[in-house]
Protein backbone atom coordinates (compact mmCIF):
# COMPACT_ATOMS: atom_id res chain seq x y z
CA MET A 1 0.00 0.00 0.00
CA THR A 2 1.32 3.45 -0.93
CA PRO A 3 2.38 5.38 2.19
CA PRO A 4 0.50 8.57 3.10
CA LEU A 5 1.80 11.76 1.53
CA PRO A 6 3.37 14.46 3.71
CA LEU A 7 1.09 17.48 4.08
CA ALA A 8 3.25 19.86 2.04
CA GLU A 9 3.60 17.35 -0.82
CA ALA A 10 -0.14 16.65 -0.82
CA GLN A 11 -0.90 20.38 -0.95
CA ARG A 12 1.64 20.86 -3.76
CA ARG A 13 0.17 18.03 -5.84
CA LEU A 14 -3.36 19.21 -5.32
CA LEU A 15 -2.72 22.88 -6.10
CA ALA A 16 -0.49 22.16 -9.10
CA GLY A 17 -3.64 21.06 -10.91
CA VAL A 18 -5.66 24.14 -9.94
CA ALA A 19 -5.73 27.36 -11.99
CA PRO A 20 -7.70 30.58 -11.45
CA LEU A 21 -11.08 30.60 -13.11
CA ALA A 22 -11.71 32.82 -16.13
CA PRO A 23 -11.89 36.59 -15.54
CA GLU A 24 -15.07 38.58 -15.95
CA GLN A 25 -15.91 42.26 -15.78
CA ARG A 26 -17.92 43.40 -12.76
CA THR A 27 -19.00 46.78 -11.43
CA VAL A 28 -16.69 47.92 -8.68
CA LEU A 29 -19.24 47.21 -5.95
CA ASP A 30 -20.09 43.79 -7.40
CA ALA A 31 -16.37 43.01 -7.42
CA HIS A 32 -16.31 43.23 -3.61
CA GLY A 33 -14.92 40.00 -2.15
CA ARG A 34 -13.39 38.87 -5.45
CA TYR A 35 -9.78 38.75 -6.60
CA LEU A 36 -8.43 41.06 -9.29
CA ALA A 37 -7.54 39.40 -12.59
CA ALA A 38 -5.55 42.46 -13.67
CA PRO A 39 -3.93 45.41 -11.91
CA VAL A 40 -5.98 48.58 -11.47
CA ILE A 41 -4.45 51.66 -13.11
CA ALA A 42 -5.58 55.15 -12.13
CA ARG A 43 -7.49 57.02 -14.83
CA ARG A 44 -7.45 60.27 -12.87
CA THR A 45 -5.29 62.15 -10.38
CA GLN A 46 -6.38 62.23 -6.73
CA PRO A 47 -6.80 64.96 -5.71
CA ALA A 48 -7.03 66.53 -9.14
CA ALA A 49 -5.97 69.96 -7.78
CA ASP A 50 -4.72 71.53 -4.55
CA LEU A 51 -7.41 71.37 -1.85
CA SER A 52 -7.70 72.72 1.67
CA ALA A 53 -7.23 70.16 4.42
CA MET A 54 -8.85 72.45 7.00
CA ASP A 55 -11.71 74.84 7.57
CA GLY A 56 -10.29 78.35 7.65
CA TYR A 57 -9.02 81.03 5.27
CA ALA A 58 -6.91 80.80 2.10
CA MET A 59 -4.35 83.53 1.41
CA GLN A 60 -0.88 84.24 0.09
CA ALA A 61 1.93 82.98 2.31
CA GLY A 62 4.17 85.60 3.88
CA THR A 63 1.70 88.48 3.71
CA PRO A 64 1.10 89.98 7.16
CA GLY A 65 -2.39 90.54 8.45
CA PRO A 66 -4.86 91.85 8.88
CA TRP A 67 -6.50 90.56 5.68
CA ARG A 68 -9.65 91.55 3.88
CA VAL A 69 -12.08 88.66 3.27
CA ILE A 70 -13.24 88.93 -0.38
CA GLY A 71 -15.19 85.72 -0.86
CA GLU A 72 -15.82 82.09 0.01
CA THR A 73 -15.03 78.68 -1.51
CA ALA A 74 -16.59 75.37 -0.50
CA ALA A 75 -16.29 71.79 -1.73
CA GLY A 76 -17.96 71.72 -5.13
CA HIS A 77 -18.36 75.51 -5.18
CA PRO A 78 -14.98 77.06 -6.07
CA PHE A 79 -14.11 80.76 -5.88
CA THR A 80 -13.54 81.96 -9.44
CA GLY A 81 -11.38 85.01 -8.84
CA ASP A 82 -7.78 85.59 -7.78
CA VAL A 83 -6.42 86.21 -4.30
CA GLY A 84 -4.02 89.12 -3.97
CA ALA A 85 -1.73 90.32 -1.21
CA GLY A 86 -3.67 91.23 1.91
CA GLU A 87 -6.75 89.31 0.80
CA ALA A 88 -8.30 86.10 2.16
CA ILE A 89 -10.99 83.63 1.11
CA ARG A 90 -13.19 81.74 3.56
CA ILE A 91 -12.47 78.07 2.72
CA SER A 92 -13.96 74.71 3.75
CA THR A 93 -12.22 71.35 4.11
CA GLY A 94 -11.94 69.72 0.70
CA ALA A 95 -12.52 72.97 -1.21
CA LEU A 96 -10.40 73.97 -4.21
CA MET A 97 -7.59 76.36 -3.35
CA PRO A 98 -8.28 79.66 -5.13
CA ARG A 99 -5.77 81.07 -7.62
CA GLY A 100 -3.04 83.05 -5.92
CA ALA A 101 -3.49 81.42 -2.51
CA ASP A 102 -0.79 79.10 -1.23
CA ALA A 103 -1.46 78.95 2.53
CA VAL A 104 -4.38 78.25 4.87
CA LEU A 105 -5.04 79.82 8.24
CA MET A 106 -6.96 77.40 10.43
CA GLN A 107 -10.33 78.70 11.60
CA GLU A 108 -9.43 78.27 15.28
CA ASN A 109 -6.37 80.52 14.76
CA ALA A 110 -8.38 83.35 13.16
CA ARG A 111 -10.27 86.35 14.55
CA ARG A 112 -12.75 87.89 12.16
CA THR A 113 -14.69 91.13 12.49
CA GLY A 114 -16.93 91.73 9.52
CA ASP A 115 -14.65 91.40 6.48
CA THR A 116 -11.49 92.02 8.48
CA LEU A 117 -9.42 88.97 9.44
CA ALA A 118 -6.56 88.84 11.94
CA LEU A 119 -4.56 86.28 13.89
CA ASN A 120 -5.71 85.39 17.38
CA GLY A 121 -2.17 84.64 18.53
CA GLU A 122 -2.41 80.84 18.27
CA GLY A 123 -0.91 80.11 14.85
CA GLU A 124 0.12 81.29 11.38
CA PRO A 125 -1.07 80.62 7.81
CA SER A 126 0.66 77.49 6.54
CA ALA A 127 1.05 75.43 3.37
CA ARG A 128 0.91 72.33 5.59
CA HIS A 129 -2.87 72.61 5.55
CA ILE A 130 -3.05 72.04 1.78
CA ARG A 131 -3.64 68.66 0.16
CA ARG A 132 -1.45 68.84 -2.91
CA ALA A 133 -2.66 67.63 -6.29
CA GLY A 134 -1.73 63.97 -6.83
CA PHE A 135 -0.46 63.35 -3.30
CA ASP A 136 -2.56 60.13 -3.16
CA PHE A 137 -2.07 58.96 -6.76
CA ARG A 138 -1.73 60.24 -10.33
CA ILE A 139 -3.01 59.16 -13.73
CA GLY A 140 -1.16 56.02 -14.78
CA ASP A 141 -0.24 54.91 -11.26
CA GLY A 142 -0.93 51.28 -10.35
CA VAL A 143 -3.23 51.51 -7.35
CA LEU A 144 -4.17 47.82 -6.86
CA ALA A 145 -2.15 44.75 -7.79
CA LYS A 146 -3.40 41.67 -9.60
CA GLY A 147 -4.55 39.08 -7.08
CA THR A 148 -5.78 41.68 -4.56
CA ARG A 149 -9.00 40.69 -2.85
CA ILE A 150 -11.39 43.62 -3.12
CA GLY A 151 -12.46 44.95 0.26
CA ALA A 152 -14.48 48.02 1.20
CA ALA A 153 -11.48 50.38 1.05
CA HIS A 154 -10.49 48.94 -2.34
CA VAL A 155 -13.98 49.72 -3.64
CA ALA A 156 -13.53 53.39 -2.71
CA LEU A 157 -9.98 53.46 -4.12
CA ALA A 158 -10.98 51.94 -7.48
CA LEU A 159 -13.88 54.35 -7.91
CA SER A 160 -11.70 57.31 -6.93
CA ALA A 161 -9.17 56.15 -9.52
CA GLY A 162 -11.85 56.56 -12.18
CA GLN A 163 -12.78 52.89 -12.61
CA ALA A 164 -16.43 51.95 -13.06
CA SER A 165 -15.76 48.21 -13.38
CA LEU A 166 -12.98 45.73 -12.62
CA ALA A 167 -11.66 42.52 -14.15
CA VAL A 168 -12.05 39.85 -11.45
CA HIS A 169 -11.95 36.07 -11.49
CA ARG A 170 -15.14 34.11 -11.44
CA LEU A 171 -15.81 32.51 -8.08
CA PRO A 172 -16.09 28.70 -7.99
CA ARG A 173 -19.33 26.79 -7.65
CA LEU A 174 -19.17 24.33 -4.76
CA VAL A 175 -21.28 21.28 -3.93
CA ALA A 176 -21.10 19.88 -0.38
CA ILE A 177 -22.32 16.28 -0.09
CA ASP A 178 -22.98 14.52 3.21
CA THR A 179 -22.72 10.75 3.00
CA GLY A 180 -23.62 8.02 5.48
CA ASP A 181 -26.55 5.80 6.46
CA GLU A 182 -26.27 7.09 10.03
CA LEU A 183 -27.05 10.72 9.14
CA SER A 184 -30.33 12.44 9.92
CA PRO A 185 -31.21 15.53 7.86
CA ASP A 186 -33.37 16.82 10.73
CA PRO A 187 -31.36 17.69 13.87
CA GLU A 188 -34.60 17.84 15.87
CA ARG A 189 -35.56 14.26 14.97
CA CYS A 190 -32.55 12.06 15.38
CA ALA A 191 -32.73 8.42 16.52
CA GLU A 192 -30.17 6.83 18.85
CA ASP A 193 -28.42 5.16 15.94
CA GLN A 194 -28.23 8.42 14.01
CA ILE A 195 -26.30 11.70 14.17
CA PRO A 196 -27.43 15.04 12.77
CA MET A 197 -26.07 15.87 9.32
CA SER A 198 -23.64 18.75 9.97
CA ASN A 199 -20.36 18.36 8.09
CA GLY A 200 -21.70 19.69 4.81
CA ALA A 201 -23.09 22.78 6.53
CA MET A 202 -19.76 23.29 8.30
CA VAL A 203 -17.89 23.08 5.00
CA ALA A 204 -20.36 25.45 3.36
CA ALA A 205 -19.82 27.96 6.18
CA LEU A 206 -16.04 27.69 5.79
CA ALA A 207 -16.30 28.26 2.05
CA ARG A 208 -18.57 31.30 2.10
CA GLY A 209 -16.82 34.34 0.75
CA TYR A 210 -14.73 32.25 -1.64
CA VAL A 211 -17.52 30.77 -3.77
CA GLU A 212 -20.25 31.95 -6.12
CA GLN A 213 -22.71 29.55 -4.53
CA VAL A 214 -22.81 26.44 -2.35
CA THR A 215 -25.24 23.63 -3.10
CA MET A 216 -25.99 21.18 -0.29
CA ALA A 217 -26.77 17.54 -1.04
CA GLY A 218 -27.47 14.54 1.15
CA PRO A 219 -27.53 12.50 3.11
CA VAL A 220 -26.48 10.04 0.42
CA ARG A 221 -26.67 6.34 1.29
CA ASP A 222 -23.53 4.24 1.66
CA GLU A 223 -24.06 2.71 -1.76
CA VAL A 224 -21.71 3.02 -4.71
CA GLY A 225 -24.52 3.58 -7.19
CA ALA A 226 -26.26 6.24 -5.09
CA LEU A 227 -23.07 8.23 -4.59
CA ALA A 228 -21.98 7.89 -8.24
CA ALA A 229 -25.40 9.14 -9.34
CA THR A 230 -25.03 12.14 -7.02
CA PHE A 231 -21.67 12.98 -8.57
CA ALA A 232 -23.25 12.82 -12.02
CA ARG A 233 -25.94 15.34 -10.95
CA PHE A 234 -23.27 17.94 -10.19
CA ALA A 235 -20.79 17.24 -12.97
CA ASP A 236 -20.89 20.85 -14.16
CA CYS A 237 -19.70 22.41 -10.90
CA ASP A 238 -16.11 23.38 -10.11
CA VAL A 239 -15.57 21.60 -6.78
CA ILE A 240 -17.39 18.72 -5.09
CA VAL A 241 -16.70 18.10 -1.41
CA THR A 242 -17.85 14.96 0.37
CA SER A 243 -17.50 13.99 4.01
CA GLY A 244 -17.32 10.37 5.10
CA GLY A 245 -16.65 7.14 3.26
CA ALA A 246 -13.04 8.04 2.44
CA SER A 247 -11.35 5.31 4.50
CA VAL A 248 -10.97 1.56 3.85
CA GLY A 249 -13.85 0.07 5.83
CA ASP A 250 -16.55 -2.18 4.40
CA HIS A 251 -18.95 0.75 4.18
CA ASP A 252 -16.49 3.29 2.79
CA VAL A 253 -17.75 3.66 -0.76
CA LEU A 254 -16.22 6.93 -1.91
CA ARG A 255 -13.37 5.60 -4.02
CA PRO A 256 -15.40 2.92 -5.85
CA ALA A 257 -18.16 5.50 -6.44
CA LEU A 258 -15.65 7.91 -7.95
CA GLU A 259 -14.30 5.19 -10.19
CA ALA A 260 -17.82 4.17 -11.22
CA TRP A 261 -18.52 7.81 -12.15
CA GLY A 262 -15.34 7.88 -14.24
CA ALA A 263 -13.17 10.10 -12.06
CA THR A 264 -9.41 9.68 -11.74
CA ILE A 265 -8.09 9.43 -8.19
CA ASP A 266 -4.87 11.35 -7.56
CA PHE A 267 -4.17 10.36 -3.95
CA TRP A 268 -6.16 9.33 -0.91
CA ARG A 269 -4.03 9.39 2.22
CA VAL A 270 -2.13 12.22 3.93
CA ALA A 271 0.25 11.89 6.88
CA MET A 272 -1.65 14.25 9.17
CA LYS A 273 -3.79 13.92 12.26
CA PRO A 274 -6.68 14.41 12.24
CA GLY A 275 -7.45 13.80 8.59
CA LYS A 276 -5.46 10.87 7.21
CA PRO A 277 -8.16 9.52 4.83
CA LEU A 278 -8.41 12.34 2.27
CA VAL A 279 -9.37 11.54 -1.33
CA ILE A 280 -8.45 13.85 -4.21
CA ALA A 281 -9.97 13.04 -7.59
CA ARG A 282 -10.80 14.76 -10.88
CA LYS A 283 -13.20 14.32 -13.75
CA GLY A 284 -12.83 16.85 -16.51
CA ALA A 285 -12.82 20.33 -14.98
CA THR A 286 -14.45 19.13 -11.74
CA LEU A 287 -12.28 18.59 -8.68
CA VAL A 288 -13.45 16.26 -5.91
CA LEU A 289 -12.20 16.43 -2.32
CA GLY A 290 -13.31 13.52 -0.17
CA LEU A 291 -12.95 14.62 3.44
CA PRO A 292 -13.01 12.31 6.48
CA GLY A 293 -16.34 11.81 8.23
CA ASN A 294 -15.29 12.79 11.75
CA PRO A 295 -16.16 16.48 12.05
CA VAL A 296 -12.81 17.70 13.40
CA SER A 297 -10.99 15.75 10.70
CA SER A 298 -13.34 17.22 8.12
CA TYR A 299 -12.78 20.73 9.44
CA VAL A 300 -8.99 20.49 9.54
CA THR A 301 -8.66 18.94 6.07
CA ALA A 302 -11.08 21.52 4.64
CA THR A 303 -8.93 24.25 6.20
CA MET A 304 -5.67 22.85 4.81
CA PHE A 305 -6.91 21.70 1.39
CA LEU A 306 -10.33 23.02 0.40
CA LEU A 307 -9.80 26.67 1.31
CA PRO A 308 -6.47 26.92 -0.57
CA VAL A 309 -8.18 25.37 -3.62
CA LEU A 310 -11.06 27.84 -3.48
CA ARG A 311 -8.71 30.78 -3.00
CA LYS A 312 -6.57 29.78 -5.97
CA LEU A 313 -9.59 29.15 -8.19
CA ALA A 314 -10.89 32.59 -7.19
CA GLY A 315 -7.60 34.20 -8.26
CA ALA A 316 -5.66 34.69 -5.02
CA THR A 317 -1.88 34.79 -5.34
CA GLU A 318 -1.43 33.80 -1.69
CA TYR A 319 -3.70 30.85 -1.00
CA LEU A 320 -1.98 28.57 1.51
CA PRO A 321 -2.50 29.09 5.27
CA ALA A 322 0.00 31.60 6.70
CA PRO A 323 1.13 30.37 10.14
CA VAL A 324 2.44 32.51 12.99
CA THR A 325 4.70 31.70 15.93
CA ALA A 326 3.50 31.71 19.54
CA ARG A 327 4.75 30.31 22.83
CA THR A 328 2.80 27.47 24.37
CA THR A 329 1.47 27.98 27.89
CA ARG A 330 1.57 24.25 28.63
CA ASP A 331 3.94 21.36 28.12
CA LEU A 332 3.49 19.49 24.85
CA GLN A 333 4.17 15.79 24.65
CA ALA A 334 6.58 14.49 22.04
CA GLY A 335 5.09 13.88 18.61
CA SER A 336 4.04 10.33 17.91
CA GLY A 337 2.25 8.11 15.42
CA GLY A 338 4.32 9.17 12.41
CA ARG A 339 1.91 11.95 11.42
CA LEU A 340 1.92 15.72 11.62
CA GLU A 341 -0.73 16.66 14.20
CA PHE A 342 -2.97 19.70 14.44
CA LEU A 343 -3.92 20.46 18.03
CA ARG A 344 -6.95 22.58 18.83
CA ALA A 345 -5.87 25.61 20.83
CA ARG A 346 -6.65 29.11 22.07
CA ILE A 347 -4.26 31.90 21.10
CA GLU A 348 -4.08 35.23 22.91
CA GLY A 349 -1.38 37.64 21.85
CA ASP A 350 1.84 35.67 21.50
CA ARG A 351 0.70 32.85 23.83
CA VAL A 352 -1.16 29.73 22.78
CA THR A 353 -2.87 27.16 25.01
CA PRO A 354 -3.55 23.65 23.66
CA LEU A 355 -7.01 22.33 24.51
CA GLU A 356 -7.29 19.06 26.40
CA GLU A 357 -9.72 17.22 24.11
CA ARG A 358 -8.21 15.64 20.99
CA ASP A 359 -10.91 13.21 19.89
CA SER A 360 -11.74 13.86 16.24
CA SER A 361 -15.49 13.73 16.91
CA ALA A 362 -15.49 16.33 19.71
CA LEU A 363 -17.18 19.47 18.41
CA ARG A 364 -17.23 21.51 21.63
CA SER A 365 -13.44 21.76 21.67
CA LEU A 366 -13.42 22.59 17.96
CA ALA A 367 -15.92 25.40 18.52
CA ALA A 368 -13.84 26.66 21.46
CA ALA A 369 -10.62 26.77 19.43
CA ASN A 370 -9.41 29.86 17.63
CA ALA A 371 -6.14 28.29 16.48
CA LEU A 372 -4.44 25.05 15.49
CA ILE A 373 -0.97 24.15 16.75
CA GLU A 374 1.04 22.39 14.05
CA TRP A 375 2.94 19.67 15.89
CA PRO A 376 5.46 17.57 13.88
CA ALA A 377 5.54 13.80 14.30
CA ASP A 378 9.20 13.92 15.34
CA ALA A 379 8.88 16.88 17.74
CA PRO A 380 10.50 16.31 21.14
CA MET A 381 8.66 17.05 24.35
CA ALA A 382 8.31 20.84 24.64
CA PRO A 383 8.03 22.61 27.99
CA ALA A 384 5.75 25.61 28.45
CA GLY A 385 7.21 28.68 26.78
CA THR A 386 8.46 26.82 23.71
CA PRO A 387 7.79 28.63 20.37
CA VAL A 388 5.39 26.63 18.19
CA THR A 389 3.83 27.05 14.76
CA VAL A 390 0.20 28.17 14.94
CA HIS A 391 -2.58 28.66 12.39
CA ARG A 392 -5.06 31.29 13.54
CA LEU A 393 -8.74 30.52 13.09
CA GLU A 394 -11.34 33.24 12.81
CA ASN A 395 -15.08 32.54 12.64
CA GLY A 396 -14.47 29.00 11.48
CA GLY A 397 -11.66 29.62 9.00
CA ILE A 398 -8.01 30.45 8.60
CA ALA A 399 -7.47 34.16 9.24
């Protein structure tokens, strides 16, 4: 029997066969949450002209007061004349600097009587209170790089750069299939020999934000024909994820069902704990990830394999989990079992506390965790305070 693949090799093999989906043009707001398929180049200069950064008065620098106020300029309502020596214009934040003015006196530093303006002793007119034309960006500047995921600030930046639409990658379509004769689709009506169907919903929650849509299917019986027929129903989607049936027991039907459907299996075991029985298969443009049935195993393998796949399909340039280093607050036993282990943990600042429960069916400890400690199989016993590799979790996914 072929030995399990190391995690890094399994991720490399899986992602080598994944390419970003085709780009499409979307309005800037509709592009929110998607990855850029091309860099964004500014079509305008921001700001387009010198603007006041303060409420106050615009005037010529170096001319002593008092000044005569000859007009007003506000955002969207510029003063059309010129400002000469000894003259001042009432100006609002964001307003166009009038011709001839190159300094702003802050309102709180001014004393005005009628049209006569003087200093109140607190400050002087200054060019520091002017937002210079192009200080943010200029026409032709690259303002967003290819592969950037569009967030709220990026929406504002793209629009300010004169872009009405953006080239972004299509998001993948995902199908999450729960398999197993023991599953009940109704959590409120579950017999003693059943468990509520939950893995597919957990996977769907993990995937949200990286997919166009998630379709839920199941529970599918532990029968080769039933599962193969379910695959055939969703042959036009980008990714199919199953949970359960990926091991080698008498009722584990995933691999024969994939073969019956006509899929090619790439690999099916990874040297990690939890999550050893992981099946990767392909048929045409559809990728299948068969996750283990135990919920913690399903969660961890989805985190380490499914999310990177979805990110890369969506156009991300950085798609693998990015670990951090923290110091453990408790002793860690030496690695064992020949597999890289992911320990549920709580991280606070630069300290991480491993949780006691390690059973792969225990959901309370999974829900309590906000991190996973990556613990090598050959790691020696580590006393409290030892630096360890940690993957942060946020709302059920890698941060």
